[in-house]
């Protein structure tokens, strides 16, 4: 499957680090400082055209989770219809500021197929 990526930053176009990896690496597009107990949106410097029937999931790299950072809505989802800049929300769980520098690989995107289901409303007796 081919997925179109429009690189809007100065980082390399996202790619898989190793053959067989589930996700491709995303780089921070700017220097950021995450103060304790706060959330920032991190620009990764690209837009992506997710094919119909698929989603892109944003997942933090484990080395950053060990620092006390989380993606508050993890895994974050990029839907097929979204064509805007990819931004990753990061929350600092620690009592100290955390820096992420421009160009650092801090998260990954995994492309998954999404089954479409029909939802049927039922009453209590049918449930």
N, C-alpha and C. Protein backbone atom coordinates (compact mmCIF):
# COMPACT_ATOMS: atom_id res chain seq x y z
N UNK A 1 0.85 -1.17 0.00
CA UNK A 1 0.00 0.00 0.00
C UNK A 1 0.89 1.23 0.00
N UNK A 2 0.57 2.19 -0.82
CA UNK A 2 1.27 3.46 -0.85
C UNK A 2 0.47 4.50 -0.09
N UNK A 3 1.15 5.28 0.75
CA UNK A 3 0.51 6.34 1.52
C UNK A 3 1.26 7.63 1.19
N UNK A 4 0.50 8.65 0.77
CA UNK A 4 1.12 9.92 0.39
C UNK A 4 1.42 10.76 1.63
N UNK A 5 2.64 11.29 1.68
CA UNK A 5 3.07 12.16 2.78
C UNK A 5 3.60 13.46 2.18
N UNK A 6 3.11 14.57 2.71
CA UNK A 6 3.59 15.88 2.29
C UNK A 6 4.43 16.44 3.43
N UNK A 7 5.74 16.50 3.21
CA UNK A 7 6.67 16.98 4.23
C UNK A 7 6.63 18.50 4.29
N UNK A 8 6.20 19.06 5.43
CA UNK A 8 6.09 20.51 5.59
C UNK A 8 7.20 21.09 6.46
N UNK A 9 8.09 20.23 6.95
CA UNK A 9 9.16 20.68 7.83
C UNK A 9 10.53 20.43 7.23
N UNK A 10 11.53 20.47 8.08
CA UNK A 10 12.90 20.25 7.65
C UNK A 10 13.42 18.87 8.04
N UNK A 11 12.58 18.06 8.68
CA UNK A 11 12.99 16.72 9.07
C UNK A 11 12.91 15.79 7.87
N UNK A 12 13.59 14.64 7.96
CA UNK A 12 13.44 13.67 6.87
C UNK A 12 12.00 13.17 6.81
N UNK A 13 11.58 12.75 5.62
CA UNK A 13 10.26 12.16 5.48
C UNK A 13 10.20 10.92 6.37
N UNK A 14 9.10 10.73 7.10
CA UNK A 14 9.01 9.57 7.99
C UNK A 14 9.29 8.26 7.25
N UNK A 15 9.93 7.34 7.98
CA UNK A 15 10.22 6.02 7.41
C UNK A 15 10.33 5.01 8.53
N UNK A 16 10.27 3.75 8.16
CA UNK A 16 10.45 2.66 9.11
C UNK A 16 11.93 2.52 9.41
N UNK A 17 12.27 2.38 10.69
CA UNK A 17 13.67 2.24 11.09
C UNK A 17 14.23 0.89 10.64
N UNK A 18 13.42 -0.18 10.80
CA UNK A 18 13.85 -1.53 10.43
C UNK A 18 12.75 -2.22 9.64
N UNK A 19 13.12 -3.12 8.75
CA UNK A 19 12.14 -3.93 8.04
C UNK A 19 11.28 -4.68 9.05
N UNK A 20 10.00 -4.70 8.83
CA UNK A 20 9.09 -5.43 9.70
C UNK A 20 8.59 -4.65 10.90
N UNK A 21 9.07 -3.41 11.12
CA UNK A 21 8.57 -2.59 12.22
C UNK A 21 7.09 -2.30 12.03
N UNK A 22 6.35 -2.21 13.12
CA UNK A 22 4.92 -1.91 13.06
C UNK A 22 4.67 -0.45 12.73
N UNK A 23 5.52 0.44 13.24
CA UNK A 23 5.32 1.86 13.06
C UNK A 23 6.52 2.54 12.45
N UNK A 24 6.25 3.68 11.82
CA UNK A 24 7.35 4.50 11.30
C UNK A 24 7.56 5.68 12.23
N UNK A 25 8.82 6.11 12.32
CA UNK A 25 9.22 7.12 13.29
C UNK A 25 8.80 8.52 12.87
N UNK A 26 8.41 9.31 13.88
CA UNK A 26 8.06 10.71 13.69
C UNK A 26 9.07 11.56 14.44
N UNK A 27 9.48 12.65 13.83
CA UNK A 27 10.46 13.56 14.42
C UNK A 27 9.79 14.84 14.89
N UNK A 28 10.30 15.38 15.98
CA UNK A 28 9.84 16.67 16.46
C UNK A 28 10.27 17.74 15.46
N UNK A 29 9.37 18.63 15.09
CA UNK A 29 9.66 19.64 14.08
C UNK A 29 10.17 20.95 14.68
N UNK A 30 10.27 21.01 16.01
CA UNK A 30 10.72 22.23 16.68
C UNK A 30 11.22 21.87 18.08
N UNK A 31 12.00 22.74 18.67
CA UNK A 31 12.40 22.55 20.07
C UNK A 31 11.18 22.85 20.94
N UNK A 32 10.89 21.97 21.89
CA UNK A 32 9.76 22.21 22.78
C UNK A 32 10.17 21.97 24.23
N UNK A 33 9.46 22.61 25.12
CA UNK A 33 9.62 22.44 26.55
C UNK A 33 8.24 22.13 27.11
N UNK A 34 8.15 21.00 27.81
CA UNK A 34 6.87 20.60 28.41
C UNK A 34 7.00 20.81 29.91
N UNK A 35 6.30 21.80 30.43
CA UNK A 35 6.38 22.05 31.87
C UNK A 35 5.56 20.99 32.61
N UNK A 36 5.85 20.77 33.88
CA UNK A 36 5.11 19.75 34.64
C UNK A 36 3.60 19.97 34.60
N UNK A 37 2.88 18.87 34.53
CA UNK A 37 1.41 18.86 34.56
C UNK A 37 0.80 19.70 33.45
N UNK A 38 1.44 19.70 32.27
CA UNK A 38 0.88 20.44 31.14
C UNK A 38 0.97 19.62 29.86
N UNK A 39 0.15 20.02 28.90
CA UNK A 39 0.10 19.37 27.60
C UNK A 39 0.55 20.34 26.52
N UNK A 40 1.34 19.85 25.58
CA UNK A 40 1.71 20.64 24.40
C UNK A 40 1.37 19.83 23.16
N UNK A 41 1.10 20.51 22.08
CA UNK A 41 0.91 19.86 20.78
C UNK A 41 2.21 19.98 20.01
N UNK A 42 2.75 18.83 19.63
CA UNK A 42 4.05 18.79 18.95
C UNK A 42 3.82 18.58 17.46
N UNK A 43 4.29 19.52 16.67
CA UNK A 43 4.22 19.43 15.22
C UNK A 43 5.29 18.46 14.74
N UNK A 44 4.91 17.49 13.90
CA UNK A 44 5.88 16.53 13.38
C UNK A 44 6.28 16.85 11.93
N UNK A 45 5.76 17.93 11.38
CA UNK A 45 6.25 18.44 10.11
C UNK A 45 5.77 17.72 8.85
N UNK A 46 4.59 17.13 8.91
CA UNK A 46 4.05 16.56 7.68
C UNK A 46 2.54 16.44 7.75
N UNK A 47 1.96 16.24 6.59
CA UNK A 47 0.55 15.89 6.42
C UNK A 47 0.52 14.54 5.75
N UNK A 48 -0.52 13.76 6.03
CA UNK A 48 -0.57 12.40 5.50
C UNK A 48 -1.96 12.13 4.93
N UNK A 49 -1.99 11.36 3.86
CA UNK A 49 -3.24 10.99 3.21
C UNK A 49 -3.52 9.52 3.53
N UNK A 50 -4.20 9.28 4.65
CA UNK A 50 -4.53 7.92 5.08
C UNK A 50 -5.59 7.36 4.12
N UNK A 51 -5.37 6.19 3.56
CA UNK A 51 -6.36 5.62 2.64
C UNK A 51 -7.69 5.33 3.34
N UNK A 52 -8.77 5.37 2.55
CA UNK A 52 -10.10 5.04 3.05
C UNK A 52 -10.08 3.64 3.66
N UNK A 53 -10.70 3.48 4.83
CA UNK A 53 -10.74 2.18 5.50
C UNK A 53 -9.55 1.93 6.42
N UNK A 54 -8.72 2.95 6.61
CA UNK A 54 -7.54 2.83 7.46
C UNK A 54 -7.48 4.01 8.42
N UNK A 55 -6.66 3.87 9.45
CA UNK A 55 -6.38 4.96 10.38
C UNK A 55 -4.88 4.98 10.64
N UNK A 56 -4.39 6.10 11.11
CA UNK A 56 -3.02 6.21 11.60
C UNK A 56 -3.07 6.37 13.10
N UNK A 57 -2.40 5.48 13.85
CA UNK A 57 -2.36 5.59 15.31
C UNK A 57 -1.02 6.18 15.73
N UNK A 58 -1.08 7.15 16.64
CA UNK A 58 0.12 7.78 17.19
C UNK A 58 0.47 7.12 18.51
N UNK A 59 1.71 6.63 18.60
CA UNK A 59 2.18 5.93 19.79
C UNK A 59 3.54 6.47 20.20
N UNK A 60 3.68 6.74 21.46
CA UNK A 60 4.94 7.25 22.00
C UNK A 60 6.01 6.16 21.98
N UNK A 61 7.24 6.51 21.67
CA UNK A 61 8.34 5.57 21.79
C UNK A 61 8.58 5.29 23.27
N UNK A 62 8.93 4.06 23.60
CA UNK A 62 9.04 3.65 25.00
C UNK A 62 10.08 4.47 25.77
N UNK A 63 11.14 4.89 25.12
CA UNK A 63 12.17 5.67 25.82
C UNK A 63 11.62 7.00 26.34
N UNK A 64 10.63 7.55 25.65
CA UNK A 64 10.02 8.80 26.11
C UNK A 64 9.00 8.55 27.20
N UNK A 65 8.32 7.43 27.13
CA UNK A 65 7.39 7.07 28.21
C UNK A 65 8.16 6.92 29.53
N UNK A 66 9.36 6.40 29.45
CA UNK A 66 10.18 6.23 30.66
C UNK A 66 10.56 7.57 31.28
N UNK A 67 10.55 8.64 30.49
CA UNK A 67 10.87 9.98 31.00
C UNK A 67 9.70 10.62 31.74
N UNK A 68 8.50 10.01 31.63
CA UNK A 68 7.34 10.57 32.30
C UNK A 68 6.43 11.36 31.39
N UNK A 69 6.49 11.06 30.10
CA UNK A 69 5.64 11.72 29.12
C UNK A 69 4.60 10.71 28.64
N UNK A 70 3.38 11.18 28.42
CA UNK A 70 2.35 10.32 27.83
C UNK A 70 1.65 11.08 26.71
N UNK A 71 1.01 10.34 25.82
CA UNK A 71 0.06 10.91 24.87
C UNK A 71 -1.29 10.77 25.56
N UNK A 72 -1.92 11.88 25.96
CA UNK A 72 -3.12 11.80 26.80
C UNK A 72 -4.27 10.99 26.20
N UNK A 73 -4.42 10.97 24.91
CA UNK A 73 -5.51 10.21 24.29
C UNK A 73 -4.98 8.96 23.57
N UNK A 74 -3.91 8.41 24.09
CA UNK A 74 -3.20 7.31 23.41
C UNK A 74 -4.06 6.08 23.24
N UNK A 75 -3.95 5.41 22.10
CA UNK A 75 -3.23 5.95 20.94
C UNK A 75 -4.08 7.00 20.24
N UNK A 76 -3.46 8.08 19.85
CA UNK A 76 -4.16 9.11 19.08
C UNK A 76 -4.47 8.57 17.70
N UNK A 77 -5.60 8.97 17.14
CA UNK A 77 -6.02 8.47 15.84
C UNK A 77 -6.06 9.59 14.82
N UNK A 78 -5.47 9.32 13.65
CA UNK A 78 -5.60 10.19 12.48
C UNK A 78 -6.55 9.46 11.53
N UNK A 79 -7.71 10.05 11.27
CA UNK A 79 -8.70 9.44 10.39
C UNK A 79 -8.38 9.69 8.93
N UNK A 80 -9.00 8.89 8.09
CA UNK A 80 -8.85 9.00 6.64
C UNK A 80 -9.12 10.41 6.13
N UNK A 81 -10.14 11.06 6.65
CA UNK A 81 -10.55 12.36 6.14
C UNK A 81 -9.71 13.54 6.58
N UNK A 82 -8.83 13.35 7.58
CA UNK A 82 -8.03 14.47 8.09
C UNK A 82 -6.80 14.68 7.21
N UNK A 83 -6.65 15.89 6.70
CA UNK A 83 -5.51 16.19 5.82
C UNK A 83 -4.64 17.33 6.36
N UNK A 84 -4.91 17.75 7.60
CA UNK A 84 -4.16 18.86 8.19
C UNK A 84 -2.83 18.42 8.74
N UNK A 85 -2.12 19.33 9.39
CA UNK A 85 -0.83 18.99 9.97
C UNK A 85 -0.98 17.96 11.08
N UNK A 86 -0.07 17.01 11.12
CA UNK A 86 -0.08 16.00 12.18
C UNK A 86 0.56 16.62 13.42
N UNK A 87 -0.21 16.63 14.50
CA UNK A 87 0.24 17.17 15.78
C UNK A 87 0.06 16.07 16.83
N UNK A 88 1.04 15.93 17.70
CA UNK A 88 0.99 14.90 18.73
C UNK A 88 0.88 15.58 20.10
N UNK A 89 -0.20 15.33 20.85
CA UNK A 89 -0.29 15.90 22.19
C UNK A 89 0.60 15.12 23.16
N UNK A 90 1.38 15.84 23.93
CA UNK A 90 2.23 15.22 24.95
C UNK A 90 1.96 15.86 26.30
N UNK A 91 1.87 15.04 27.33
CA UNK A 91 1.61 15.50 28.69
C UNK A 91 2.79 15.09 29.58
N UNK A 92 3.25 16.02 30.40
CA UNK A 92 4.37 15.79 31.31
C UNK A 92 3.83 15.40 32.68
N UNK A 93 4.08 14.14 33.07
CA UNK A 93 3.64 13.62 34.37
C UNK A 93 4.60 13.95 35.52
N UNK A 94 5.77 14.45 35.21
CA UNK A 94 6.81 14.64 36.23
C UNK A 94 6.69 16.00 36.91
N UNK A 95 7.62 16.26 37.83
CA UNK A 95 7.69 17.55 38.53
C UNK A 95 8.77 18.45 37.95
N UNK A 96 9.36 18.05 36.83
CA UNK A 96 10.43 18.83 36.18
C UNK A 96 10.08 19.06 34.71
N UNK A 97 10.55 20.17 34.15
CA UNK A 97 10.34 20.40 32.72
C UNK A 97 11.08 19.34 31.90
N UNK A 98 10.51 18.98 30.76
CA UNK A 98 11.12 18.01 29.85
C UNK A 98 11.28 18.67 28.49
N UNK A 99 12.48 18.55 27.92
CA UNK A 99 12.76 19.11 26.61
C UNK A 99 12.77 18.02 25.55
N UNK A 100 12.24 18.35 24.39
CA UNK A 100 12.39 17.52 23.20
C UNK A 100 12.92 18.45 22.11
N UNK A 101 13.97 18.03 21.48
CA UNK A 101 14.65 18.90 20.52
C UNK A 101 14.23 18.60 19.08
N UNK A 102 14.33 19.60 18.27
CA UNK A 102 14.01 19.47 16.86
C UNK A 102 14.80 18.31 16.27
N UNK A 103 14.11 17.47 15.53
CA UNK A 103 14.76 16.33 14.89
C UNK A 103 14.72 15.04 15.67
N UNK A 104 14.39 15.09 16.97
CA UNK A 104 14.34 13.86 17.78
C UNK A 104 13.18 12.98 17.34
N UNK A 105 13.44 11.66 17.31
CA UNK A 105 12.39 10.68 17.08
C UNK A 105 11.73 10.42 18.42
N UNK A 106 10.46 10.80 18.57
CA UNK A 106 9.83 10.67 19.88
C UNK A 106 8.56 9.80 19.84
N UNK A 107 7.99 9.60 18.68
CA UNK A 107 6.81 8.74 18.59
C UNK A 107 6.77 8.04 17.24
N UNK A 108 5.76 7.21 17.07
CA UNK A 108 5.60 6.45 15.84
C UNK A 108 4.15 6.54 15.38
N UNK A 109 3.97 6.27 14.10
CA UNK A 109 2.62 6.11 13.57
C UNK A 109 2.50 4.71 13.01
N UNK A 110 1.39 4.06 13.38
CA UNK A 110 1.06 2.73 12.88
C UNK A 110 -0.20 2.88 12.04
N UNK A 111 -0.17 2.35 10.81
CA UNK A 111 -1.34 2.37 9.94
C UNK A 111 -2.09 1.05 10.12
N UNK A 112 -3.38 1.14 10.45
CA UNK A 112 -4.21 -0.05 10.69
C UNK A 112 -5.46 -0.01 9.84
N UNK A 113 -5.88 -1.19 9.40
CA UNK A 113 -7.15 -1.31 8.70
C UNK A 113 -8.28 -1.24 9.73
N UNK A 114 -9.35 -0.55 9.38
CA UNK A 114 -10.48 -0.36 10.29
C UNK A 114 -11.70 -1.07 9.72
N UNK A 115 -12.26 -2.03 10.46
CA UNK A 115 -13.49 -2.65 9.98
C UNK A 115 -14.65 -1.68 10.16
N UNK A 116 -15.52 -1.63 9.20
CA UNK A 116 -16.71 -0.80 9.32
C UNK A 116 -17.87 -1.68 9.75
N UNK A 117 -18.57 -1.24 10.76
CA UNK A 117 -19.67 -2.02 11.33
C UNK A 117 -20.96 -1.22 11.23
N UNK A 118 -22.06 -1.92 11.22
CA UNK A 118 -23.37 -1.27 11.28
C UNK A 118 -23.84 -1.32 12.72
N UNK A 119 -24.21 -0.18 13.26
CA UNK A 119 -24.70 -0.11 14.62
C UNK A 119 -26.21 -0.16 14.61
N UNK A 120 -26.78 -1.02 15.41
CA UNK A 120 -28.22 -1.20 15.46
C UNK A 120 -28.71 -0.87 16.86
N UNK A 121 -29.60 0.08 16.95
CA UNK A 121 -30.19 0.44 18.22
C UNK A 121 -31.22 -0.61 18.62
N UNK A 122 -31.13 -1.08 19.87
CA UNK A 122 -32.07 -2.09 20.37
C UNK A 122 -32.61 -1.62 21.71
N UNK A 123 -33.71 -2.24 22.14
CA UNK A 123 -34.23 -1.93 23.46
C UNK A 123 -33.62 -2.89 24.48
N UNK A 124 -33.95 -2.67 25.73
CA UNK A 124 -33.35 -3.46 26.83
C UNK A 124 -33.60 -4.96 26.66
N UNK A 125 -34.79 -5.34 26.22
CA UNK A 125 -35.12 -6.78 26.08
C UNK A 125 -34.31 -7.43 24.96
N UNK A 126 -33.96 -6.71 23.95
CA UNK A 126 -33.19 -7.27 22.83
C UNK A 126 -31.69 -7.34 23.15
N UNK A 127 -31.26 -6.61 24.14
CA UNK A 127 -29.84 -6.54 24.50
C UNK A 127 -29.48 -7.74 25.32
